[in-house]
Amino acid sequence: MKKIYALSFAFATLCASASYAQIAEPTARWAHLFTSGATTGVQSSALIADADNSVYTLETPATIAGATDVQWNSSKVFEATSSAKNTNNLLLAKIDQQGNLLWSINSSLSGDYASNKGNLAITSDGDIIFTAKVRHTDGILDTPMALSDSQGNIVEFDSPVAQRYYSVIVGRASSDGILKWVRQISPATELSQFDDAKFVSDAIDVNALALDADDNIFVGGLQKTDITLAKADNTTADIAVRNIDSTTKASAGSFYLVKLDQNGYYLGSLAPAAETLSASSVQDLEVNGDRLYAYFHIKASSADANNSLTLGDFDLTATDIDCPVFAALSTDLEPSWVKVITAEKVAGKSGLQNGHITVAGSNLWYCAQYQDKLSDGDNSIEATQGTQREGCIIKFDAANGAWLAAANNRPDFDATGIVGYFKAFQLSDNDQTIYTYGYNMGTSKVFLRGYSATDLQPLTDRSYDLISSAGTVTALQFAYNPDASTAYVTARSNKAFELLGATEPTPAPSSWAVVLASFELPSDMTSAITSITADSDDAPVQYFNLQGQQVENPANGIYIRRQGATIEKVIIK
């Protein structure tokens, strides 16, 4: 006699003839505001949860002379350096799962930080790695830039300068907020390639951060001039810009992808064999096992140009708008596959923003905000409204880059509105739902939206408006601990925030503020098995395999069992 064990489980993917089990909604646990004295308020750059279910957040609060307090939950976190003009400060804060601020690291002495330009990663021993893009505060060029840690220690990382220009910093702090080191990726302050030695103040950008199993650090972005990094032997490594000369001063720059050791010293970089592009940049990085996955943008100088980029044995060509490129590299930066996606204008419009990758199981997920057509030659996804950006999600095979499925937010979720899908999340290893995190600016909603992880069919009953506002609201960051039932979300508005499951909205801020909210996720969103019970042998049921295909006589294995309105995963022995 067959023994059948039913596993109470939340399913997202069955088949066309099967219904989906409704699951409970996320519920807000708490929500607090980051605020500052400047009308431009606060921006949120990065968010990550640790193994203890605390959350680290990287913020850029703006301040101005006479209004220098930066606050969390109406309590002052620090007082910023006074400047006559708006200055974006750096705030790295650790907050426990009850919403208590445990410690913070903040800018000190001088430092004007670029909004939305920074990332966080957690090392194997619980330290935090952070990146930021920074220049001297306007009017305070004669003071070194510095950070103050949780113990009040001041760590300087630059000298006085004659002109303001951006550099990139990479830092490491302990889990109790003590700064261990800060390293710089420094651009040349004058571009000798130009006939008139034109000075470029925004010559470097930072977009991506990842760590491998040995806590080596990978940082990516773009450069518009030569850059210099420190090595452990007290020498330096220089990476030359590749696509700027005396005739192309307006170039958008070339990508850099560097590998640093766990102390922030240079180990190596990815160098293309050839590049004739007008622009290339690294947008996102993620390590999974022994592979480093990278997401690039490449762009040709004109519609009829045959501009190309060669990575290892792979030759890539681009159009005159940003084209996504995805690559799997070894952690020694050797490409194993590279895939270019052709971008085409829709209704004369193009735009690709806020793209990120996620690797879960055997899949690489790509989310972005787009306004055009993306194609690999055999498959494509096209925006439906050329004047408004939409959200898209594409599923690739992580083993070889094959395009498997794609979907956008219309028509299943939105009739109109500027929409962005920022990143994809699979909340448990065995869950068959993939969630996109993003926002609809027109309806002022920040959401999680569920799709079938098999074929990206929309799951409207697994989609939740987490945050809304009477003002314009934008989604910023989402983080969760896969072993816990808590998610963290940041969003930005200048009005009160309303949260799913909360009885009252947050108080309306006096300027643009960032809300950091904690949500309790129902167990069937985050855990695969909640109980095991013996099932009756003679009940009339239907069985489906894990791909959603009906099976008449299931043999040993795991199946989806449906009986009336009850849907369960079962083990048959």
Protein backbone atom coordinates (compact mmCIF):
# COMPACT_ATOMS: atom_id res chain seq x y z
CA MET A 1 0.00 0.00 0.00
CA LYS A 2 1.28 3.45 -0.86
CA LYS A 3 2.03 5.72 2.04
CA ILE A 4 1.17 9.34 1.39
CA TYR A 5 2.31 12.16 3.65
CA ALA A 6 0.79 15.60 3.17
CA LEU A 7 3.00 18.61 3.78
CA SER A 8 1.11 21.79 4.62
CA PHE A 9 2.72 24.20 2.18
CA ALA A 10 2.06 27.49 0.42
CA PHE A 11 2.12 27.01 -3.35
CA ALA A 12 2.44 29.56 -6.08
CA THR A 13 2.66 27.33 -9.14
CA LEU A 14 0.41 24.46 -10.11
CA CYS A 15 -1.05 24.45 -13.63
CA ALA A 16 -3.72 26.17 -15.66
CA SER A 17 -6.51 24.00 -14.29
CA ALA A 18 -5.51 24.25 -10.63
CA SER A 19 -6.38 27.09 -8.29
CA TYR A 20 -3.94 28.80 -5.95
CA ALA A 21 -4.09 28.67 -2.19
CA GLN A 22 -4.73 32.06 -0.61
CA ILE A 23 -2.18 32.99 2.01
CA ALA A 24 -2.26 35.56 4.79
CA GLU A 25 -1.02 39.10 4.23
CA PRO A 26 2.16 40.63 5.62
CA THR A 27 1.46 42.77 8.67
CA ALA A 28 3.31 45.91 9.76
CA ARG A 29 5.12 45.50 13.09
CA TRP A 30 6.55 49.00 13.38
CA ALA A 31 7.55 51.98 11.24
CA HIS A 32 9.89 54.86 12.08
CA LEU A 33 11.20 57.82 10.11
CA PHE A 34 14.64 59.07 9.16
CA THR A 35 14.37 62.86 8.93
CA SER A 36 16.69 65.84 8.54
CA GLY A 37 16.54 69.62 8.57
CA ALA A 38 16.84 70.20 4.83
CA THR A 39 13.77 70.27 2.59
CA THR A 40 15.37 67.69 0.29
CA GLY A 41 15.26 65.31 3.24
CA VAL A 42 16.64 61.78 3.23
CA GLN A 43 17.42 59.11 0.63
CA SER A 44 18.00 55.41 1.32
CA SER A 45 20.84 53.62 -0.48
CA ALA A 46 20.97 50.09 0.94
CA LEU A 47 19.33 47.71 3.40
CA ILE A 48 20.42 44.27 4.62
CA ALA A 49 19.31 41.94 7.43
CA ASP A 50 21.74 39.82 9.43
CA ALA A 51 21.47 36.36 10.96
CA ASP A 52 20.10 37.79 14.23
CA ASN A 53 17.32 39.54 12.29
CA SER A 54 18.70 43.00 12.95
CA VAL A 55 18.84 45.32 9.96
CA TYR A 56 21.59 47.60 8.64
CA THR A 57 20.55 50.64 6.62
CA LEU A 58 22.66 53.11 4.63
CA GLU A 59 21.06 56.58 4.38
CA THR A 60 22.02 59.96 2.91
CA PRO A 61 20.28 62.66 5.00
CA ALA A 62 20.56 66.21 3.64
CA THR A 63 21.27 69.09 6.02
CA ILE A 64 21.91 72.82 5.77
CA ALA A 65 23.36 75.45 8.09
CA GLY A 66 21.01 76.04 11.02
CA ALA A 67 19.30 72.66 10.50
CA THR A 68 21.98 70.05 11.05
CA ASP A 69 20.19 67.40 13.13
CA VAL A 70 19.63 63.96 11.63
CA GLN A 71 16.90 62.02 13.44
CA TRP A 72 15.56 58.50 13.78
CA ASN A 73 12.12 58.11 15.34
CA SER A 74 12.23 61.79 16.48
CA SER A 75 15.52 61.29 18.38
CA LYS A 76 18.74 62.92 17.21
CA VAL A 77 21.25 60.45 15.80
CA PHE A 78 24.00 62.96 15.06
CA GLU A 79 24.62 66.59 14.20
CA ALA A 80 26.05 67.12 10.75
CA THR A 81 28.88 69.42 9.69
CA SER A 82 27.46 72.89 9.08
CA SER A 83 27.43 74.15 5.50
CA ALA A 84 25.75 77.10 3.82
CA LYS A 85 24.43 74.80 1.10
CA ASN A 86 22.63 71.46 1.18
CA THR A 87 25.02 68.66 2.09
CA ASN A 88 24.21 64.96 1.88
CA ASN A 89 25.58 63.18 4.92
CA LEU A 90 26.30 59.48 5.40
CA LEU A 91 24.48 57.44 8.03
CA LEU A 92 25.07 53.72 8.52
CA ALA A 93 22.76 52.48 11.26
CA LYS A 94 22.03 49.13 12.88
CA ILE A 95 18.49 48.62 14.16
CA ASP A 96 17.15 45.59 16.01
CA GLN A 97 13.98 43.74 15.12
CA GLN A 98 11.98 45.78 17.66
CA GLY A 99 12.94 49.05 15.94
CA ASN A 100 15.59 50.20 18.44
CA LEU A 101 18.65 52.01 17.10
CA LEU A 102 21.68 50.01 18.30
CA TRP A 103 24.45 52.20 16.87
CA SER A 104 25.36 54.43 13.96
CA ILE A 105 28.35 55.49 11.89
CA ASN A 106 28.09 58.93 10.33
CA SER A 107 29.98 61.50 8.29
CA SER A 108 32.17 63.90 10.25
CA LEU A 109 34.34 66.98 9.58
CA SER A 110 33.51 67.10 5.86
CA GLY A 111 31.91 64.95 3.21
CA ASP A 112 29.08 65.36 0.70
CA TYR A 113 27.72 61.93 -0.24
CA ALA A 114 25.87 61.09 -3.45
CA SER A 115 22.27 59.95 -2.95
CA ASN A 116 21.43 56.33 -3.73
CA LYS A 117 25.08 55.47 -4.32
CA GLY A 118 26.13 52.89 -1.78
CA ASN A 119 25.77 49.23 -0.93
CA LEU A 120 26.05 46.88 2.05
CA ALA A 121 27.24 43.31 2.51
CA ILE A 122 27.82 41.13 5.57
CA THR A 123 31.01 39.10 6.00
CA SER A 124 31.19 35.51 7.22
CA ASP A 125 32.06 36.69 10.75
CA GLY A 126 29.30 39.31 10.91
CA ASP A 127 31.18 42.48 9.96
CA ILE A 128 29.56 44.95 7.61
CA ILE A 129 31.13 46.12 4.32
CA PHE A 130 29.85 49.38 2.86
CA THR A 131 30.53 51.54 -0.17
CA ALA A 132 29.75 55.20 -0.85
CA LYS A 133 30.42 57.95 -3.36
CA VAL A 134 31.70 61.14 -1.74
CA ARG A 135 33.32 64.51 -2.32
CA HIS A 136 34.38 67.34 0.00
CA THR A 137 31.62 69.53 1.39
CA ASP A 138 31.17 72.74 -0.56
CA GLY A 139 33.16 75.48 1.18
CA ILE A 140 35.09 73.01 3.38
CA LEU A 141 37.77 71.89 0.93
CA ASP A 142 40.59 72.50 3.42
CA THR A 143 39.32 69.87 5.90
CA PRO A 144 39.90 66.11 5.53
CA MET A 145 36.84 63.95 4.97
CA ALA A 146 36.09 61.56 7.82
CA LEU A 147 33.62 59.17 9.45
CA SER A 148 32.73 58.87 13.13
CA ASP A 149 31.96 55.37 14.40
CA SER A 150 29.78 54.07 17.25
CA GLN A 151 32.51 54.77 19.80
CA GLY A 152 33.19 58.30 18.59
CA ASN A 153 36.43 57.31 16.84
CA ILE A 154 37.19 59.60 13.88
CA VAL A 155 38.60 57.88 10.79
CA GLU A 156 39.95 60.26 8.12
CA PHE A 157 40.27 59.03 4.55
CA ASP A 158 41.20 62.02 2.40
CA SER A 159 43.29 65.17 2.45
CA PRO A 160 42.31 68.79 1.72
CA VAL A 161 41.79 69.51 -1.99
CA ALA A 162 41.79 72.50 -4.33
CA GLN A 163 38.69 71.42 -6.29
CA ARG A 164 35.67 69.27 -5.45
CA TYR A 165 35.53 65.88 -7.14
CA TYR A 166 33.95 62.54 -6.30
CA SER A 167 35.78 59.46 -5.13
CA VAL A 168 34.53 56.07 -3.91
CA ILE A 169 35.12 54.64 -0.45
CA VAL A 170 34.95 51.05 0.73
CA GLY A 171 34.80 50.48 4.48
CA ARG A 172 34.51 47.72 7.05
CA ALA A 173 32.89 47.93 10.47
CA SER A 174 32.38 45.39 13.21
CA SER A 175 28.89 44.21 14.18
CA ASP A 176 29.02 46.65 17.12
CA GLY A 177 29.79 49.64 14.90
CA ILE A 178 33.56 50.08 15.25
CA LEU A 179 35.25 51.17 12.03
CA LYS A 180 38.13 48.86 11.11
CA TRP A 181 39.28 50.59 7.92
CA VAL A 182 38.24 52.85 5.06
CA ARG A 183 39.87 52.63 1.60
CA GLN A 184 39.46 54.94 -1.39
CA ILE A 185 39.11 54.36 -5.09
CA SER A 186 40.53 57.66 -6.30
CA PRO A 187 40.08 59.23 -9.74
CA ALA A 188 42.62 61.43 -11.43
CA THR A 189 41.72 65.06 -10.75
CA GLU A 190 42.77 66.20 -14.22
CA LEU A 191 42.14 64.33 -17.44
CA SER A 192 45.44 64.47 -19.28
CA GLN A 193 43.78 62.70 -22.23
CA PHE A 194 41.98 65.96 -23.03
CA ASP A 195 43.74 68.59 -25.08
CA ASP A 196 42.75 71.28 -22.59
CA ALA A 197 43.18 69.06 -19.50
CA LYS A 198 39.50 69.58 -18.68
CA PHE A 199 38.65 68.96 -15.05
CA VAL A 200 35.80 66.48 -14.45
CA SER A 201 34.28 66.54 -10.97
CA ASP A 202 32.04 63.48 -11.44
CA ALA A 203 34.54 61.02 -12.86
CA ILE A 204 33.64 57.87 -10.91
CA ASP A 205 30.49 56.05 -9.87
CA VAL A 206 29.83 53.02 -7.65
CA ASN A 207 26.84 50.75 -8.24
CA ALA A 208 27.59 47.23 -7.04
CA LEU A 209 29.07 45.25 -4.14
CA ALA A 210 29.40 41.53 -3.44
CA LEU A 211 31.45 39.19 -1.22
CA ASP A 212 32.67 35.66 -1.95
CA ALA A 213 33.04 32.79 0.53
CA ASP A 214 36.50 34.02 1.54
CA ASP A 215 35.18 37.55 2.17
CA ASN A 216 36.97 38.93 -0.85
CA ILE A 217 35.19 42.11 -1.93
CA PHE A 218 33.94 42.87 -5.44
CA VAL A 219 33.09 46.47 -6.34
CA GLY A 220 31.75 47.69 -9.68
CA GLY A 221 30.70 50.90 -11.36
CA LEU A 222 32.02 53.21 -14.06
CA GLN A 223 34.93 55.59 -14.48
CA LYS A 224 35.49 58.66 -16.65
CA THR A 225 39.17 58.95 -15.84
CA ASP A 226 41.98 56.74 -14.60
CA ILE A 227 41.47 55.41 -11.07
CA THR A 228 43.91 54.31 -8.37
CA LEU A 229 43.53 51.67 -5.65
CA ALA A 230 45.77 50.74 -2.71
CA LYS A 231 47.58 47.39 -2.57
CA ALA A 232 48.64 45.52 0.56
CA ASP A 233 52.37 46.06 -0.15
CA ASN A 234 51.95 49.87 0.05
CA THR A 235 52.02 50.25 -3.73
CA THR A 236 49.05 51.20 -5.90
CA ALA A 237 47.17 49.72 -8.85
CA ASP A 238 45.99 51.97 -11.68
CA ILE A 239 43.06 51.22 -14.00
CA ALA A 240 42.98 53.32 -17.14
CA VAL A 241 39.74 54.64 -18.60
CA ARG A 242 39.18 53.08 -22.03
CA ASN A 243 36.75 55.22 -24.00
CA ILE A 244 37.63 58.86 -23.35
CA ASP A 245 40.03 60.80 -25.51
CA SER A 246 40.38 64.36 -26.74
CA THR A 247 37.38 63.97 -29.07
CA THR A 248 34.92 62.22 -26.73
CA LYS A 249 34.74 64.39 -23.62
CA ALA A 250 31.02 63.74 -23.26
CA SER A 251 31.45 59.97 -23.01
CA ALA A 252 29.48 58.25 -20.29
CA GLY A 253 32.56 56.29 -19.19
CA SER A 254 33.80 52.70 -19.10
CA PHE A 255 33.09 50.01 -16.52
CA TYR A 256 35.38 48.91 -13.72
CA LEU A 257 35.05 45.67 -11.75
CA VAL A 258 37.68 45.17 -9.05
CA LYS A 259 38.43 42.43 -6.55
CA LEU A 260 39.72 43.46 -3.11
CA ASP A 261 40.88 41.31 -0.23
CA GLN A 262 39.03 41.30 3.10
CA ASN A 263 41.12 44.30 4.20
CA GLY A 264 40.11 46.34 1.15
CA TYR A 265 43.37 46.00 -0.79
CA TYR A 266 43.45 45.48 -4.54
CA LEU A 267 43.77 41.92 -5.85
CA GLY A 268 42.69 42.20 -9.48
CA SER A 269 40.19 43.52 -11.99
CA LEU A 270 38.19 42.47 -15.02
CA ALA A 271 39.76 43.99 -18.12
CA PRO A 272 38.06 43.65 -21.51
CA ALA A 273 40.17 42.37 -24.38
CA ALA A 274 38.78 45.21 -26.50
CA GLU A 275 36.20 48.00 -26.19
CA THR A 276 34.96 50.50 -28.75
CA LEU A 277 31.79 51.52 -26.90
CA SER A 278 30.76 55.03 -25.97
CA ALA A 279 29.70 53.76 -22.53
CA SER A 280 29.83 50.68 -20.33
CA SER A 281 29.15 50.24 -16.63
CA VAL A 282 28.68 47.60 -13.96
CA GLN A 283 25.19 47.88 -12.46
CA ASP A 284 24.91 44.96 -10.01
CA LEU A 285 26.85 41.98 -8.64
CA GLU A 286 25.87 38.84 -6.76
CA VAL A 287 27.92 35.84 -5.61
CA ASN A 288 26.30 32.41 -5.62
CA GLY A 289 28.54 29.47 -4.75
CA ASP A 290 31.77 29.76 -6.72
CA ARG A 291 30.32 32.14 -9.29
CA LEU A 292 30.16 35.90 -9.45
CA TYR A 293 27.16 37.09 -11.46
CA ALA A 294 27.43 40.54 -12.99
CA TYR A 295 24.94 42.87 -14.66
CA PHE A 296 26.35 45.50 -17.02
CA HIS A 297 25.06 48.26 -19.30
CA ILE A 298 26.70 48.83 -22.69
CA LYS A 299 25.91 51.55 -25.22
CA ALA A 300 27.02 52.43 -28.75
CA SER A 301 27.77 55.96 -29.85
CA SER A 302 25.01 56.07 -32.49
CA ALA A 303 22.20 53.97 -33.93
CA ASP A 304 24.30 52.78 -36.90
CA ALA A 305 27.55 52.27 -34.99
CA ASN A 306 28.92 48.76 -34.61
CA ASN A 307 30.47 49.37 -31.22
CA SER A 308 31.54 46.28 -29.31
CA LEU A 309 32.98 44.93 -26.09
CA THR A 310 35.03 41.74 -25.76
CA LEU A 311 35.04 39.88 -22.44
CA GLY A 312 37.19 36.77 -22.58
CA ASP A 313 35.98 34.84 -25.63
CA PHE A 314 32.70 36.76 -25.84
CA ASP A 315 32.12 39.60 -28.34
CA LEU A 316 29.18 41.88 -27.51
CA THR A 317 27.55 44.61 -29.57
CA ALA A 318 25.22 47.37 -28.40
CA THR A 319 22.59 49.77 -29.70
CA ASP A 320 22.55 53.51 -29.04
CA ILE A 321 20.57 53.03 -25.82
CA ASP A 322 21.60 51.10 -22.71
CA CYS A 323 21.65 47.36 -23.40
CA PRO A 324 21.70 44.92 -20.45
CA VAL A 325 24.51 42.37 -20.29
CA PHE A 326 24.58 39.45 -17.87
CA ALA A 327 27.66 37.38 -17.11
CA ALA A 328 28.75 34.50 -14.93
CA LEU A 329 32.37 34.81 -13.82
CA SER A 330 34.65 32.81 -11.63
CA THR A 331 35.65 34.59 -8.44
CA ASP A 332 38.98 35.14 -10.23
CA LEU A 333 36.99 37.17 -12.78
CA GLU A 334 37.14 34.69 -15.66
CA PRO A 335 33.91 34.67 -17.73
CA SER A 336 32.11 31.34 -18.15
CA TRP A 337 29.14 32.80 -20.06
CA VAL A 338 28.10 36.26 -21.16
CA LYS A 339 24.71 37.25 -22.59
CA VAL A 340 23.83 40.56 -24.18
CA ILE A 341 20.20 41.72 -24.43
CA THR A 342 19.41 44.08 -27.29
CA ALA A 343 17.45 47.20 -26.33
CA GLU A 344 15.22 48.96 -28.86
CA LYS A 345 13.21 52.17 -28.55
CA VAL A 346 9.41 51.94 -28.20
CA ALA A 347 7.35 54.89 -29.48
CA GLY A 348 10.59 56.82 -29.79
CA LYS A 349 11.32 56.40 -26.09
CA SER A 350 13.99 54.50 -24.23
CA GLY A 351 14.92 54.18 -20.61
CA LEU A 352 16.35 51.52 -18.36
CA GLN A 353 16.68 52.26 -14.64
CA ASN A 354 17.00 50.62 -11.24
CA GLY A 355 17.95 47.21 -12.62
CA HIS A 356 19.13 44.46 -10.26
CA ILE A 357 19.83 40.74 -10.37
CA THR A 358 19.03 37.96 -7.91
CA VAL A 359 20.29 34.37 -8.07
CA ALA A 360 18.02 31.80 -6.42
CA GLY A 361 18.51 28.09 -6.99
CA SER A 362 19.13 27.49 -10.69
CA ASN A 363 17.65 30.81 -11.82
CA LEU A 364 18.98 34.30 -12.35
CA TRP A 365 16.21 36.89 -11.97
CA TYR A 366 16.43 40.36 -13.47
CA CYS A 367 14.14 43.23 -12.48
CA ALA A 368 14.17 46.75 -13.89
CA GLN A 369 12.21 49.85 -14.73
CA TYR A 370 12.11 50.16 -18.52
CA GLN A 371 10.54 52.03 -21.42
CA ASP A 372 11.62 50.04 -24.45
CA LYS A 373 11.93 46.53 -25.92
CA LEU A 374 14.42 43.98 -24.61
CA SER A 375 15.28 40.95 -26.75
CA ASP A 376 17.82 38.14 -27.03
CA GLY A 377 16.81 37.38 -30.63
CA ASP A 378 14.49 34.49 -29.81
CA ASN A 379 12.59 36.04 -26.91
CA SER A 380 11.51 39.57 -26.09
CA ILE A 381 9.54 41.77 -23.72
CA GLU A 382 8.14 45.12 -24.81
CA ALA A 383 6.81 48.08 -22.87
CA THR A 384 3.16 48.81 -23.60
CA GLN A 385 3.17 52.56 -22.96
CA GLY A 386 6.11 54.36 -24.52
CA THR A 387 5.67 57.48 -22.39
CA GLN A 388 5.71 55.81 -18.96
CA ARG A 389 8.30 53.48 -17.54
CA GLU A 390 7.10 50.03 -16.58
CA GLY A 391 8.38 47.23 -14.38
CA CYS A 392 9.76 44.04 -15.88
CA ILE A 393 11.07 40.72 -14.58
CA ILE A 394 13.04 38.24 -16.70
CA LYS A 395 14.01 34.70 -15.72
CA PHE A 396 17.34 33.33 -16.97
CA ASP A 397 19.04 29.98 -16.48
CA ALA A 398 21.92 30.70 -14.11
CA ALA A 399 23.96 27.86 -15.61
CA ASN A 400 24.14 29.27 -19.14
CA GLY A 401 22.17 32.52 -19.37
CA ALA A 402 19.28 31.11 -21.40
CA TRP A 403 16.14 33.29 -21.41
CA LEU A 404 13.34 31.25 -19.78
CA ALA A 405 10.40 33.61 -19.18
CA ALA A 406 9.49 37.28 -18.83
CA ALA A 407 6.64 39.49 -17.60
CA ASN A 408 5.87 43.15 -17.00
CA ASN A 409 3.44 44.94 -14.71
CA ARG A 410 0.82 45.53 -17.40
CA PRO A 411 -1.95 44.52 -17.85
CA ASP A 412 -2.21 42.26 -14.83
CA PHE A 413 -1.40 44.78 -12.10
CA ASP A 414 -1.55 48.33 -13.49
CA ALA A 415 -3.64 50.19 -16.02
CA THR A 416 -1.40 53.24 -15.82
CA GLY A 417 1.29 54.93 -13.73
CA ILE A 418 5.08 55.00 -13.71
CA VAL A 419 6.08 51.63 -12.28
CA GLY A 420 9.39 50.15 -11.23
CA TYR A 421 10.34 46.58 -10.38
CA PHE A 422 13.54 46.93 -8.37
CA LYS A 423 14.49 43.41 -7.38
CA ALA A 424 13.17 39.84 -7.19
CA PHE A 425 12.98 37.76 -4.01
CA GLN A 426 12.30 34.08 -3.47
CA LEU A 427 11.41 34.08 0.21
CA SER A 428 12.23 30.42 0.82
CA ASP A 429 14.29 27.87 -1.08
CA ASN A 430 11.31 25.65 -1.81
CA ASP A 431 8.70 28.29 -2.49
CA GLN A 432 7.36 28.38 -6.03
CA THR A 433 6.58 32.11 -5.91
CA ILE A 434 8.97 34.82 -7.00
CA TYR A 435 8.16 38.27 -5.60
CA THR A 436 9.05 41.59 -7.17
CA TYR A 437 9.59 44.64 -4.97
CA GLY A 438 8.82 48.07 -6.40
CA TYR A 439 6.35 50.94 -6.65
CA ASN A 440 3.68 52.62 -8.74
CA MET A 441 4.32 56.35 -8.58
CA GLY A 442 0.89 57.15 -9.99
CA THR A 443 -1.03 55.33 -7.25
CA SER A 444 1.63 55.99 -4.59
CA LYS A 445 1.97 52.31 -3.69
CA VAL A 446 5.04 50.34 -2.62
CA PHE A 447 4.42 46.67 -3.23
CA LEU A 448 5.43 43.03 -3.29
CA ARG A 449 3.99 41.25 -6.33
CA GLY A 450 3.85 37.52 -6.74
CA TYR A 451 4.61 35.59 -9.92
CA SER A 452 4.84 31.89 -10.62
CA ALA A 453 8.49 30.98 -10.34
CA THR A 454 7.99 28.47 -13.16
CA ASP A 455 6.57 30.60 -15.96
CA LEU A 456 6.06 34.08 -14.46
CA GLN A 457 2.28 33.94 -14.56
CA PRO A 458 0.95 36.76 -12.34
CA LEU A 459 -0.43 35.75 -8.95
CA THR A 460 -2.73 38.61 -8.00
CA ASP A 461 -3.73 36.94 -4.73
CA ARG A 462 -0.07 36.91 -3.68
CA SER A 463 0.52 40.60 -4.21
CA TYR A 464 0.50 43.19 -1.47
CA ASP A 465 0.58 46.99 -1.27
CA LEU A 466 2.94 47.31 1.69
CA ILE A 467 3.11 51.10 1.91
CA SER A 468 1.01 53.92 0.47
CA SER A 469 1.02 57.69 0.89
CA ALA A 470 -1.10 60.70 0.04
CA GLY A 471 2.02 62.19 -1.54
CA THR A 472 4.39 60.82 -4.14
CA VAL A 473 5.97 57.67 -2.73
CA THR A 474 8.94 55.74 -4.11
CA ALA A 475 10.16 52.31 -3.14
CA LEU A 476 13.78 52.19 -2.08
CA GLN A 477 14.97 48.97 -0.45
CA PHE A 478 13.73 45.56 0.72
CA ALA A 479 15.57 43.10 2.97
CA TYR A 480 14.73 39.96 4.90
CA ASN A 481 16.32 37.07 6.73
CA PRO A 482 15.40 33.81 4.92
CA ASP A 483 15.32 31.97 8.26
CA ALA A 484 13.00 34.50 9.91
CA SER A 485 9.54 35.79 9.27
CA THR A 486 10.49 39.48 9.22
CA ALA A 487 10.98 41.76 6.24
CA TYR A 488 12.29 45.33 6.24
CA VAL A 489 11.28 48.00 3.73
CA THR A 490 12.31 51.60 3.09
CA ALA A 491 10.23 54.10 1.11
CA ARG A 492 10.33 57.87 0.61
CA SER A 493 7.60 60.53 0.67
CA ASN A 494 6.83 63.97 2.04
CA LYS A 495 3.45 62.86 3.44
CA ALA A 496 2.34 60.34 6.06
CA PHE A 497 2.93 56.67 5.27
CA GLU A 498 0.16 54.08 5.56
CA LEU A 499 1.30 50.52 6.14
CA LEU A 500 -0.42 47.23 5.42
CA GLY A 501 -1.90 45.87 8.64
CA ALA A 502 -1.18 49.01 10.71
CA THR A 503 -4.02 50.69 12.58
CA GLU A 504 -2.65 54.22 12.11
CA PRO A 505 -0.39 55.97 9.58
CA THR A 506 2.98 57.41 10.52
CA PRO A 507 2.98 61.13 11.35
CA ALA A 508 3.45 63.36 8.32
CA PRO A 509 7.08 64.55 8.07
CA SER A 510 7.97 68.22 7.62
CA SER A 511 10.15 67.41 4.58
CA TRP A 512 11.02 64.41 2.43
CA ALA A 513 11.58 61.51 4.80
CA VAL A 514 12.45 57.82 4.60
CA VAL A 515 10.33 55.34 6.49
CA LEU A 516 11.94 52.10 7.62
CA ALA A 517 9.16 49.60 8.28
CA SER A 518 9.20 46.08 9.66
CA PHE A 519 6.66 43.56 8.40
CA GLU A 520 5.74 40.18 9.82
CA LEU A 521 5.58 37.74 6.91
CA PRO A 522 3.06 34.91 7.24
CA SER A 523 4.72 31.53 7.73
CA ASP A 524 3.51 30.18 4.39
CA MET A 525 5.49 32.92 2.60
CA THR A 526 8.79 32.05 4.28
CA SER A 527 8.80 28.41 5.39
CA ALA A 528 8.36 25.40 3.16
CA ILE A 529 6.87 22.90 5.64
CA THR A 530 4.64 23.79 8.57
CA SER A 531 3.33 20.34 9.51
CA ILE A 532 3.31 16.68 8.41
CA THR A 533 0.19 14.51 8.68
CA ALA A 534 -0.85 11.11 7.34
CA ASP A 535 -3.35 11.30 4.47
CA SER A 536 -6.24 8.98 3.62
CA ASP A 537 -5.48 6.41 0.88
CA ASP A 538 -9.00 6.38 -0.60
CA ALA A 539 -9.80 10.11 -0.95
CA PRO A 540 -10.58 11.24 -4.55
CA VAL A 541 -7.73 13.53 -5.50
CA GLN A 542 -5.73 14.90 -8.42
CA TYR A 543 -1.93 14.80 -8.48
CA PHE A 544 0.46 17.16 -10.30
CA ASN A 545 4.23 17.10 -10.58
CA LEU A 546 6.25 20.12 -9.47
CA GLN A 547 6.07 21.53 -13.00
CA GLY A 548 2.26 21.64 -12.76
CA GLN A 549 1.58 18.66 -15.08
CA GLN A 550 -1.17 16.25 -14.00
CA VAL A 551 0.02 12.73 -13.11
CA GLU A 552 -2.46 9.84 -13.24
CA ASN A 553 -0.49 7.26 -11.25
CA PRO A 554 2.15 9.01 -9.16
CA ALA A 555 5.13 6.87 -8.15
CA ASN A 556 7.63 7.55 -5.40
CA GLY A 557 8.38 11.25 -5.14
CA ILE A 558 7.03 14.68 -4.26
CA TYR A 559 3.77 15.82 -5.84
CA ILE A 560 1.09 18.49 -5.55
CA ARG A 561 -2.19 17.00 -4.34
CA ARG A 562 -5.53 18.73 -4.90
CA GLN A 563 -8.80 17.68 -3.29
CA GLY A 564 -11.58 20.18 -3.83
CA ALA A 565 -10.34 23.52 -2.52
CA THR A 566 -7.44 21.93 -0.58
CA ILE A 567 -4.01 22.04 -2.18
CA GLU A 568 -1.04 20.33 -0.55
CA LYS A 569 2.41 19.06 -1.37
CA VAL A 570 2.77 15.33 -0.64
CA ILE A 571 5.49 12.71 -0.43
CA ILE A 572 4.44 9.35 -1.89
CA LYS A 573 6.39 6.26 -0.82
